[in-house]
Amino acid sequence: MPHPAIAPNHNAVVMGGAAGIGLAAARRFLAEGMNVAIVDRDMEPLAEALDLLEKEAGSDLNVAAAACDVTDRAGLAKTAAHLERTLGPIHVLMNNAGIQPGSSIFGEERNWDAVLSVNLGGVINGTRAFGPAMLEHGEPGLIINTGSKQGITTPPGDPAYNVSKAGVKAFTEALAHELREREGSAVTAALLIPGFVFTGLTARGRADKPDAAWTAEETVDFMMARLSDGDFYILCPDNEVTRDIDEKRIQWAAEDVIRNRPPLSRWHKDWADRFRAFMGA
């Protein structure tokens, strides 16, 4: 059975919904008979996505779009009020807006500010803008936040992105606890943890999808199946990395703390052979 919030004539809002996983999710919610609103800061792709959704919705479902930057708290509050007036009570919120301009520890400060304000701040802001009304209307609700495996195993190379996604994990875990402990709450939370997905964010100049990557649609299909089974951690494989590989990598990362190994020992030259042996076990 699907999650009770994902039902015909219910209403979904997708932040960062103009492309990639966000647009694929919006299309899938439409296919489930839901009314859908997409929110994005980029006007041209937002208009193109709205046109696509309107064609797929036909005359039976309502589709809306709102231009808003998820870092703008006041703008998000106005957007939430507008979409609630337009669609009605919001049952599904997907906080999916994200950027990845690249970063280094002592690199451009503006990249750090942008990544943290969008990837982490946007999730917090979206939840706080829409969440109270979702709790108040009393019907089944679901908040899906898009994280990343990079927020769990934190590989070297892009620390700002890792920090932002680690924050999304911690925030969503706290949110799930808050929702389940709140008396009368019918709202739950889930953390989407994509694998390698071919989107505008990951294309990096490539026109064709690499064989190792999933499409955004495959990722959303997997998300919907796991939501139906009640998963909180939606840990997605791809065409190269299996669930077993992910579990071992996550276990190794956690055991850096437990065993007091050097940080990021998976990439430490003195631990390379032991990590390879562990993965082959």
C-alpha atoms as a PDB file:
ATOM      1  CA  MET A   1       0.000   0.000   0.000  1.00  0.00           C
ATOM      2  CA  PRO A   2       1.281   3.519  -0.759  1.00  0.00           C
ATOM      3  CA  HIS A   3       2.004   5.943   2.055  1.00  0.00           C
ATOM      4  CA  PRO A   4      -1.397   7.308   3.206  1.00  0.00           C
ATOM      5  CA  ALA A   5      -0.353  10.875   2.357  1.00  0.00           C
ATOM      6  CA  ILE A   6       0.185   9.854  -1.284  1.00  0.00           C
ATOM      7  CA  ALA A   7      -3.416   9.472  -2.377  1.00  0.00           C
ATOM      8  CA  PRO A   8      -5.761  10.744  -5.101  1.00  0.00           C
ATOM      9  CA  ASN A   9      -6.881  14.345  -4.625  1.00  0.00           C
ATOM     10  CA  HIS A  10      -4.225  14.992  -1.999  1.00  0.00           C
ATOM     11  CA  ASN A  11      -1.787  17.845  -2.573  1.00  0.00           C
ATOM     12  CA  ALA A  12       2.006  17.733  -2.986  1.00  0.00           C
ATOM     13  CA  VAL A  13       4.623  20.484  -3.061  1.00  0.00           C
ATOM     14  CA  VAL A  14       8.075  19.802  -4.509  1.00  0.00           C
ATOM     15  CA  MET A  15      10.869  22.254  -3.779  1.00  0.00           C
ATOM     16  CA  GLY A  16      13.477  22.311  -6.508  1.00  0.00           C
ATOM     17  CA  GLY A  17      10.800  20.795  -8.721  1.00  0.00           C
ATOM     18  CA  ALA A  18      11.763  22.227 -12.104  1.00  0.00           C
ATOM     19  CA  ALA A  19      14.216  19.485 -13.071  1.00  0.00           C
ATOM     20  CA  GLY A  20      15.931  16.265 -12.071  1.00  0.00           C
ATOM     21  CA  ILE A  21      14.638  14.209  -9.159  1.00  0.00           C
ATOM     22  CA  GLY A  22      12.226  16.990  -8.183  1.00  0.00           C
ATOM     23  CA  LEU A  23      10.476  17.049 -11.535  1.00  0.00           C
ATOM     24  CA  ALA A  24      10.420  13.241 -11.705  1.00  0.00           C
ATOM     25  CA  ALA A  25       8.781  13.183  -8.267  1.00  0.00           C
ATOM     26  CA  ALA A  26       6.216  15.807  -9.291  1.00  0.00           C
ATOM     27  CA  ARG A  27       5.284  13.760 -12.364  1.00  0.00           C
ATOM     28  CA  ARG A  28       4.960  10.608 -10.263  1.00  0.00           C
ATOM     29  CA  PHE A  29       2.744  12.354  -7.713  1.00  0.00           C
ATOM     30  CA  LEU A  30       0.548  13.479 -10.603  1.00  0.00           C
ATOM     31  CA  ALA A  31       0.374   9.884 -11.847  1.00  0.00           C
ATOM     32  CA  GLU A  32      -0.830   8.898  -8.378  1.00  0.00           C
ATOM     33  CA  GLY A  33      -3.768  11.295  -8.774  1.00  0.00           C
ATOM     34  CA  MET A  34      -2.376  14.101  -6.650  1.00  0.00           C
ATOM     35  CA  ASN A  35      -2.503  17.833  -7.282  1.00  0.00           C
ATOM     36  CA  VAL A  36       1.045  19.169  -7.515  1.00  0.00           C
ATOM     37  CA  ALA A  37       2.910  22.427  -7.051  1.00  0.00           C
ATOM     38  CA  ILE A  38       6.562  22.894  -7.966  1.00  0.00           C
ATOM     39  CA  VAL A  39       8.782  25.583  -6.481  1.00  0.00           C
ATOM     40  CA  ASP A  40      12.082  26.708  -7.988  1.00  0.00           C
ATOM     41  CA  ARG A  41      14.134  29.891  -8.252  1.00  0.00           C
ATOM     42  CA  ASP A  42      14.952  29.568 -11.968  1.00  0.00           C
ATOM     43  CA  MET A  43      12.089  31.001 -14.020  1.00  0.00           C
ATOM     44  CA  GLU A  44      12.741  29.445 -17.444  1.00  0.00           C
ATOM     45  CA  PRO A  45      13.000  25.797 -16.338  1.00  0.00           C
ATOM     46  CA  LEU A  46      10.115  26.389 -13.928  1.00  0.00           C
ATOM     47  CA  ALA A  47       7.877  27.540 -16.800  1.00  0.00           C
ATOM     48  CA  GLU A  48       8.947  24.576 -18.958  1.00  0.00           C
ATOM     49  CA  ALA A  49       8.273  22.118 -16.136  1.00  0.00           C
ATOM     50  CA  LEU A  50       4.869  23.663 -15.428  1.00  0.00           C
ATOM     51  CA  ASP A  51       3.913  23.303 -19.096  1.00  0.00           C
ATOM     52  CA  LEU A  52       4.891  19.620 -19.025  1.00  0.00           C
ATOM     53  CA  LEU A  53       2.950  18.967 -15.827  1.00  0.00           C
ATOM     54  CA  GLU A  54      -0.133  20.761 -17.109  1.00  0.00           C
ATOM     55  CA  LYS A  55      -0.153  18.566 -20.212  1.00  0.00           C
ATOM     56  CA  GLU A  56       0.165  15.412 -18.108  1.00  0.00           C
ATOM     57  CA  ALA A  57      -2.457  16.554 -15.597  1.00  0.00           C
ATOM     58  CA  GLY A  58      -5.133  17.228 -18.178  1.00  0.00           C
ATOM     59  CA  SER A  59      -8.333  18.707 -16.786  1.00  0.00           C
ATOM     60  CA  ASP A  60      -8.667  16.393 -13.804  1.00  0.00           C
ATOM     61  CA  LEU A  61      -5.853  17.653 -11.574  1.00  0.00           C
ATOM     62  CA  ASN A  62      -4.559  21.019 -10.427  1.00  0.00           C
ATOM     63  CA  VAL A  63      -0.969  22.017 -11.113  1.00  0.00           C
ATOM     64  CA  ALA A  64       0.785  25.142  -9.871  1.00  0.00           C
ATOM     65  CA  ALA A  65       4.241  26.670  -9.892  1.00  0.00           C
ATOM     66  CA  ALA A  66       5.857  29.296  -7.701  1.00  0.00           C
ATOM     67  CA  ALA A  67       9.148  31.099  -8.159  1.00  0.00           C
ATOM     68  CA  CYS A  68      10.921  31.294  -4.830  1.00  0.00           C
ATOM     69  CA  ASP A  69      14.438  30.922  -3.453  1.00  0.00           C
ATOM     70  CA  VAL A  70      14.492  28.441  -0.567  1.00  0.00           C
ATOM     71  CA  THR A  71      16.951  30.683   1.286  1.00  0.00           C
ATOM     72  CA  ASP A  72      14.281  33.421   1.480  1.00  0.00           C
ATOM     73  CA  ARG A  73      12.293  32.652   4.640  1.00  0.00           C
ATOM     74  CA  ALA A  74       9.787  35.463   4.154  1.00  0.00           C
ATOM     75  CA  GLY A  75       9.283  34.473   0.535  1.00  0.00           C
ATOM     76  CA  LEU A  76       8.754  30.844   1.499  1.00  0.00           C
ATOM     77  CA  ALA A  77       6.136  31.815   4.074  1.00  0.00           C
ATOM     78  CA  LYS A  78       4.240  33.732   1.391  1.00  0.00           C
ATOM     79  CA  THR A  79       4.662  30.832  -1.054  1.00  0.00           C
ATOM     80  CA  ALA A  80       3.303  28.345   1.492  1.00  0.00           C
ATOM     81  CA  ALA A  81       0.255  30.509   2.164  1.00  0.00           C
ATOM     82  CA  HIS A  82      -0.324  30.999  -1.581  1.00  0.00           C
ATOM     83  CA  LEU A  83      -0.095  27.290  -2.407  1.00  0.00           C
ATOM     84  CA  GLU A  84      -2.357  26.330   0.475  1.00  0.00           C
ATOM     85  CA  ARG A  85      -4.950  28.782  -0.881  1.00  0.00           C
ATOM     86  CA  THR A  86      -4.446  27.456  -4.423  1.00  0.00           C
ATOM     87  CA  LEU A  87      -4.408  23.691  -3.775  1.00  0.00           C
ATOM     88  CA  GLY A  88      -5.766  23.250  -0.268  1.00  0.00           C
ATOM     89  CA  PRO A  89      -4.107  21.410   2.625  1.00  0.00           C
ATOM     90  CA  ILE A  90      -0.621  20.157   1.773  1.00  0.00           C
ATOM     91  CA  HIS A  91      -0.143  16.430   2.355  1.00  0.00           C
ATOM     92  CA  VAL A  92       3.317  15.847   0.860  1.00  0.00           C
ATOM     93  CA  LEU A  93       6.280  18.211   1.017  1.00  0.00           C
ATOM     94  CA  MET A  94       9.490  17.241  -0.756  1.00  0.00           C
ATOM     95  CA  ASN A  95      12.472  19.440   0.116  1.00  0.00           C
ATOM     96  CA  ASN A  96      14.684  18.692  -2.861  1.00  0.00           C
ATOM     97  CA  ALA A  97      16.383  21.961  -3.855  1.00  0.00           C
ATOM     98  CA  GLY A  98      20.138  21.542  -4.076  1.00  0.00           C
ATOM     99  CA  ILE A  99      23.298  22.936  -5.652  1.00  0.00           C
ATOM    100  CA  GLN A 100      26.885  21.681  -5.934  1.00  0.00           C
ATOM    101  CA  PRO A 101      29.287  24.349  -7.217  1.00  0.00           C
ATOM    102  CA  GLY A 102      32.260  22.587  -5.633  1.00  0.00           C
ATOM    103  CA  SER A 103      34.274  23.569  -2.583  1.00  0.00           C
ATOM    104  CA  SER A 104      37.513  23.196  -0.667  1.00  0.00           C
ATOM    105  CA  ILE A 105      38.340  23.862   2.961  1.00  0.00           C
ATOM    106  CA  PHE A 106      40.078  27.168   2.234  1.00  0.00           C
ATOM    107  CA  GLY A 107      38.359  27.875  -1.065  1.00  0.00           C
ATOM    108  CA  GLU A 108      35.724  30.395  -2.110  1.00  0.00           C
ATOM    109  CA  GLU A 109      33.654  31.539   0.864  1.00  0.00           C
ATOM    110  CA  ARG A 110      30.683  32.274  -1.390  1.00  0.00           C
ATOM    111  CA  ASN A 111      30.489  28.589  -2.379  1.00  0.00           C
ATOM    112  CA  TRP A 112      30.263  27.571   1.278  1.00  0.00           C
ATOM    113  CA  ASP A 113      27.582  30.169   1.951  1.00  0.00           C
ATOM    114  CA  ALA A 114      25.542  29.175  -1.096  1.00  0.00           C
ATOM    115  CA  VAL A 115      25.695  25.420  -0.499  1.00  0.00           C
ATOM    116  CA  LEU A 116      24.854  25.592   3.191  1.00  0.00           C
ATOM    117  CA  SER A 117      22.042  28.098   2.682  1.00  0.00           C
ATOM    118  CA  VAL A 118      20.387  26.113  -0.138  1.00  0.00           C
ATOM    119  CA  ASN A 119      21.092  22.450   0.628  1.00  0.00           C
ATOM    120  CA  LEU A 120      20.673  22.605   4.398  1.00  0.00           C
ATOM    121  CA  GLY A 121      18.960  25.916   5.008  1.00  0.00           C
ATOM    122  CA  GLY A 122      16.412  25.220   2.286  1.00  0.00           C
ATOM    123  CA  VAL A 123      15.380  21.941   3.915  1.00  0.00           C
ATOM    124  CA  ILE A 124      14.993  23.613   7.296  1.00  0.00           C
ATOM    125  CA  ASN A 125      13.176  26.611   5.845  1.00  0.00           C
ATOM    126  CA  GLY A 126      10.815  24.497   3.752  1.00  0.00           C
ATOM    127  CA  THR A 127       9.926  22.270   6.673  1.00  0.00           C
ATOM    128  CA  ARG A 128       9.271  25.226   8.954  1.00  0.00           C
ATOM    129  CA  ALA A 129       7.231  27.063   6.301  1.00  0.00           C
ATOM    130  CA  PHE A 130       4.895  24.173   5.437  1.00  0.00           C
ATOM    131  CA  GLY A 131       5.141  21.812   8.436  1.00  0.00           C
ATOM    132  CA  PRO A 132       2.949  23.603  11.005  1.00  0.00           C
ATOM    133  CA  ALA A 133      -0.065  23.725   8.673  1.00  0.00           C
ATOM    134  CA  MET A 134       0.477  20.076   7.721  1.00  0.00           C
ATOM    135  CA  LEU A 135       0.304  19.157  11.403  1.00  0.00           C
ATOM    136  CA  GLU A 136      -2.682  21.388  12.007  1.00  0.00           C
ATOM    137  CA  HIS A 137      -4.976  20.004   9.307  1.00  0.00           C
ATOM    138  CA  GLY A 138      -4.746  16.557  10.906  1.00  0.00           C
ATOM    139  CA  GLU A 139      -4.756  14.494   7.706  1.00  0.00           C
ATOM    140  CA  PRO A 140      -1.917  12.093   6.783  1.00  0.00           C
ATOM    141  CA  GLY A 141       1.219  13.991   5.809  1.00  0.00           C
ATOM    142  CA  LEU A 142       4.742  13.245   4.661  1.00  0.00           C
ATOM    143  CA  ILE A 143       7.898  15.373   4.523  1.00  0.00           C
ATOM    144  CA  ILE A 144      10.641  13.952   2.272  1.00  0.00           C
ATOM    145  CA  ASN A 145      14.079  15.537   2.502  1.00  0.00           C
ATOM    146  CA  THR A 146      16.727  14.791  -0.114  1.00  0.00           C
ATOM    147  CA  GLY A 147      20.056  13.914   1.460  1.00  0.00           C
ATOM    148  CA  SER A 148      23.101  12.205  -0.017  1.00  0.00           C
ATOM    149  CA  LYS A 149      25.482   9.351   0.673  1.00  0.00           C
ATOM    150  CA  GLN A 150      28.136  12.068   0.785  1.00  0.00           C
ATOM    151  CA  GLY A 151      26.500  13.260   3.987  1.00  0.00           C
ATOM    152  CA  ILE A 152      27.085   9.827   5.559  1.00  0.00           C
ATOM    153  CA  THR A 153      30.480   8.628   4.328  1.00  0.00           C
ATOM    154  CA  THR A 154      31.766  12.199   3.678  1.00  0.00           C
ATOM    155  CA  PRO A 155      34.357  11.441   0.968  1.00  0.00           C
ATOM    156  CA  PRO A 156      37.126  13.999   0.421  1.00  0.00           C
ATOM    157  CA  GLY A 157      36.745  16.489  -2.394  1.00  0.00           C
ATOM    158  CA  ASP A 158      33.696  18.642  -1.661  1.00  0.00           C
ATOM    159  CA  PRO A 159      33.462  19.401   2.061  1.00  0.00           C
ATOM    160  CA  ALA A 160      30.732  22.057   1.841  1.00  0.00           C
ATOM    161  CA  TYR A 161      28.384  19.643   0.078  1.00  0.00           C
ATOM    162  CA  ASN A 162      29.196  16.890   2.577  1.00  0.00           C
ATOM    163  CA  VAL A 163      28.540  19.173   5.545  1.00  0.00           C
ATOM    164  CA  SER A 164      25.235  20.340   4.075  1.00  0.00           C
ATOM    165  CA  LYS A 165      23.994  16.809   3.447  1.00  0.00           C
ATOM    166  CA  ALA A 166      25.213  15.553   6.824  1.00  0.00           C
ATOM    167  CA  GLY A 167      23.122  18.358   8.281  1.00  0.00           C
ATOM    168  CA  VAL A 168      20.090  17.250   6.263  1.00  0.00           C
ATOM    169  CA  LYS A 169      20.454  13.745   7.715  1.00  0.00           C
ATOM    170  CA  ALA A 170      20.673  15.039  11.288  1.00  0.00           C
ATOM    171  CA  PHE A 171      17.782  17.466  10.783  1.00  0.00           C
ATOM    172  CA  THR A 172      15.507  14.848   9.208  1.00  0.00           C
ATOM    173  CA  GLU A 173      16.216  12.350  11.975  1.00  0.00           C
ATOM    174  CA  ALA A 174      15.313  15.014  14.543  1.00  0.00           C
ATOM    175  CA  LEU A 175      12.204  15.888  12.529  1.00  0.00           C
ATOM    176  CA  ALA A 176      11.060  12.252  12.422  1.00  0.00           C
ATOM    177  CA  HIS A 177      11.484  11.984  16.194  1.00  0.00           C
ATOM    178  CA  GLU A 178       9.578  15.230  16.762  1.00  0.00           C
ATOM    179  CA  LEU A 179       6.706  14.093  14.555  1.00  0.00           C
ATOM    180  CA  ARG A 180       6.331  10.645  16.105  1.00  0.00           C
ATOM    181  CA  GLU A 181       6.472  12.031  19.662  1.00  0.00           C
ATOM    182  CA  ARG A 182       3.975  14.830  18.998  1.00  0.00           C
ATOM    183  CA  GLU A 183       0.516  13.889  20.245  1.00  0.00           C
ATOM    184  CA  GLY A 184      -2.028  13.647  17.447  1.00  0.00           C
ATOM    185  CA  SER A 185       0.533  13.985  14.665  1.00  0.00           C
ATOM    186  CA  ALA A 186      -0.401  12.291  11.381  1.00  0.00           C
ATOM    187  CA  VAL A 187       2.749  13.539   9.637  1.00  0.00           C
ATOM    188  CA  THR A 188       5.866  11.413   9.109  1.00  0.00           C
ATOM    189  CA  ALA A 189       9.285  12.109   7.585  1.00  0.00           C
ATOM    190  CA  ALA A 190      11.661  10.270   5.258  1.00  0.00           C
ATOM    191  CA  LEU A 191      15.245  10.789   4.155  1.00  0.00           C
ATOM    192  CA  LEU A 192      15.908  10.155   0.455  1.00  0.00           C
ATOM    193  CA  ILE A 193      19.542   9.092  -0.069  1.00  0.00           C
ATOM    194  CA  PRO A 194      20.131   8.901  -3.831  1.00  0.00           C
ATOM    195  CA  GLY A 195      22.866   6.911  -5.497  1.00  0.00           C
ATOM    196  CA  PHE A 196      24.515   8.116  -8.706  1.00  0.00           C
ATOM    197  CA  VAL A 197      21.671   9.829 -10.568  1.00  0.00           C
ATOM    198  CA  PHE A 198      22.102  11.518 -13.945  1.00  0.00           C
ATOM    199  CA  THR A 199      20.637  15.022 -13.590  1.00  0.00           C
ATOM    200  CA  GLY A 200      21.697  18.550 -14.423  1.00  0.00           C
ATOM    201  CA  LEU A 201      23.491  18.638 -11.072  1.00  0.00           C
ATOM    202  CA  THR A 202      25.657  15.618 -11.872  1.00  0.00           C
ATOM    203  CA  ALA A 203      25.971  15.843 -15.679  1.00  0.00           C
ATOM    204  CA  ARG A 204      29.137  17.987 -15.541  1.00  0.00           C
ATOM    205  CA  GLY A 205      29.040  18.626 -19.274  1.00  0.00           C
ATOM    206  CA  ARG A 206      28.042  15.093 -20.279  1.00  0.00           C
ATOM    207  CA  ALA A 207      25.140  14.782 -22.693  1.00  0.00           C
ATOM    208  CA  ASP A 208      24.600  11.040 -22.260  1.00  0.00           C
ATOM    209  CA  LYS A 209      23.821   9.162 -19.070  1.00  0.00           C
ATOM    210  CA  PRO A 210      26.764   7.098 -17.821  1.00  0.00           C
ATOM    211  CA  ASP A 211      26.055   3.384 -17.583  1.00  0.00           C
ATOM    212  CA  ALA A 212      26.645   3.475 -13.813  1.00  0.00           C
ATOM    213  CA  ALA A 213      23.944   6.066 -13.175  1.00  0.00           C
ATOM    214  CA  TRP A 214      20.226   5.729 -12.587  1.00  0.00           C
ATOM    215  CA  THR A 215      17.742   8.113 -14.126  1.00  0.00           C
ATOM    216  CA  ALA A 216      15.747  10.463 -11.931  1.00  0.00           C
ATOM    217  CA  GLU A 217      12.660   8.376 -12.725  1.00  0.00           C
ATOM    218  CA  GLU A 218      14.314   5.166 -11.504  1.00  0.00           C
ATOM    219  CA  THR A 219      15.257   6.933  -8.287  1.00  0.00           C
ATOM    220  CA  VAL A 220      11.693   8.127  -7.705  1.00  0.00           C
ATOM    221  CA  ASP A 221      10.300   4.667  -8.477  1.00  0.00           C
ATOM    222  CA  PHE A 222      12.606   3.233  -5.812  1.00  0.00           C
ATOM    223  CA  MET A 223      11.607   6.002  -3.385  1.00  0.00           C
ATOM    224  CA  MET A 224       7.923   5.264  -3.843  1.00  0.00           C
ATOM    225  CA  ALA A 225       8.419   1.546  -3.279  1.00  0.00           C
ATOM    226  CA  ARG A 226      10.379   2.130  -0.079  1.00  0.00           C
ATOM    227  CA  LEU A 227       7.824   4.653   1.189  1.00  0.00           C
ATOM    228  CA  SER A 228       5.138   2.001   0.677  1.00  0.00           C
ATOM    229  CA  ASP A 229       7.165  -0.288   2.953  1.00  0.00           C
ATOM    230  CA  GLY A 230       7.483   2.410   5.608  1.00  0.00           C
ATOM    231  CA  ASP A 231      11.221   3.099   5.230  1.00  0.00           C
ATOM    232  CA  PHE A 232      12.706   6.234   6.759  1.00  0.00           C
ATOM    233  CA  TYR A 233      16.204   5.805   5.278  1.00  0.00           C
ATOM    234  CA  ILE A 234      15.651   5.414   1.537  1.00  0.00           C
ATOM    235  CA  LEU A 235      19.136   4.271   0.555  1.00  0.00           C
ATOM    236  CA  CYS A 236      19.178   4.032  -3.237  1.00  0.00           C
ATOM    237  CA  PRO A 237      21.488   1.758  -5.209  1.00  0.00           C
ATOM    238  CA  ASP A 238      22.449   2.504  -8.802  1.00  0.00           C
ATOM    239  CA  ASN A 239      23.808   0.517 -11.738  1.00  0.00           C
ATOM    240  CA  GLU A 240      27.247   0.209 -10.151  1.00  0.00           C
ATOM    241  CA  VAL A 241      26.813   0.297  -6.358  1.00  0.00           C
ATOM    242  CA  THR A 242      24.645  -2.287  -4.611  1.00  0.00           C
ATOM    243  CA  ARG A 243      22.976  -2.084  -1.234  1.00  0.00           C
ATOM    244  CA  ASP A 244      25.632  -4.435   0.149  1.00  0.00           C
ATOM    245  CA  ILE A 245      28.457  -2.140  -0.981  1.00  0.00           C
ATOM    246  CA  ASP A 246      26.713   0.892   0.516  1.00  0.00           C
ATOM    247  CA  GLU A 247      26.191  -0.855   3.831  1.00  0.00           C
ATOM    248  CA  LYS A 248      29.865  -1.822   4.078  1.00  0.00           C
ATOM    249  CA  ARG A 249      31.042   1.692   3.219  1.00  0.00           C
ATOM    250  CA  ILE A 250      28.699   3.198   5.817  1.00  0.00           C
ATOM    251  CA  GLN A 251      29.804   0.634   8.406  1.00  0.00           C
ATOM    252  CA  TRP A 252      33.474   1.403   7.759  1.00  0.00           C
ATOM    253  CA  ALA A 253      32.841   5.148   8.119  1.00  0.00           C
ATOM    254  CA  ALA A 254      31.028   4.644  11.441  1.00  0.00           C
ATOM    255  CA  GLU A 255      33.790   2.404  12.718  1.00  0.00           C
ATOM    256  CA  ASP A 256      36.344   5.187  12.230  1.00  0.00           C
ATOM    257  CA  VAL A 257      34.781   6.659  15.371  1.00  0.00           C
ATOM    258  CA  ILE A 258      34.241   3.383  17.214  1.00  0.00           C
ATOM    259  CA  ARG A 259      37.778   2.113  16.566  1.00  0.00           C
ATOM    260  CA  ASN A 260      39.456   5.541  16.834  1.00  0.00           C
ATOM    261  CA  ARG A 261      40.964   5.238  13.371  1.00  0.00           C
ATOM    262  CA  PRO A 262      42.230   8.254  11.405  1.00  0.00           C
ATOM    263  CA  PRO A 263      39.333  10.290   9.965  1.00  0.00           C
ATOM    264  CA  LEU A 264      38.314   9.213   6.490  1.00  0.00           C
ATOM    265  CA  SER A 265      40.545   6.164   6.847  1.00  0.00           C
ATOM    266  CA  ARG A 266      38.940   4.668   3.741  1.00  0.00           C
ATOM    267  CA  TRP A 267      41.060   7.139   1.748  1.00  0.00           C
ATOM    268  CA  HIS A 268      44.146   6.979   4.023  1.00  0.00           C
ATOM    269  CA  LYS A 269      47.143   5.311   2.345  1.00  0.00           C
ATOM    270  CA  ASP A 270      48.005   3.329   5.472  1.00  0.00           C
ATOM    271  CA  TRP A 271      44.531   1.836   5.628  1.00  0.00           C
ATOM    272  CA  ALA A 272      43.884   1.193   1.937  1.00  0.00           C
ATOM    273  CA  ASP A 273      44.721  -2.524   2.044  1.00  0.00           C
ATOM    274  CA  ARG A 274      42.603  -3.098   5.140  1.00  0.00           C
ATOM    275  CA  PHE A 275      39.643  -1.316   3.574  1.00  0.00           C
ATOM    276  CA  ARG A 276      39.927  -3.388   0.398  1.00  0.00           C
ATOM    277  CA  ALA A 277      40.067  -6.559   2.481  1.00  0.00           C
ATOM    278  CA  PHE A 278      37.012  -5.438   4.438  1.00  0.00           C
ATOM    279  CA  MET A 279      35.025  -4.771   1.260  1.00  0.00           C
ATOM    280  CA  GLY A 280      36.002  -8.180  -0.120  1.00  0.00           C
ATOM    281  CA  ALA A 281      34.945 -10.012   3.024  1.00  0.00           C
END
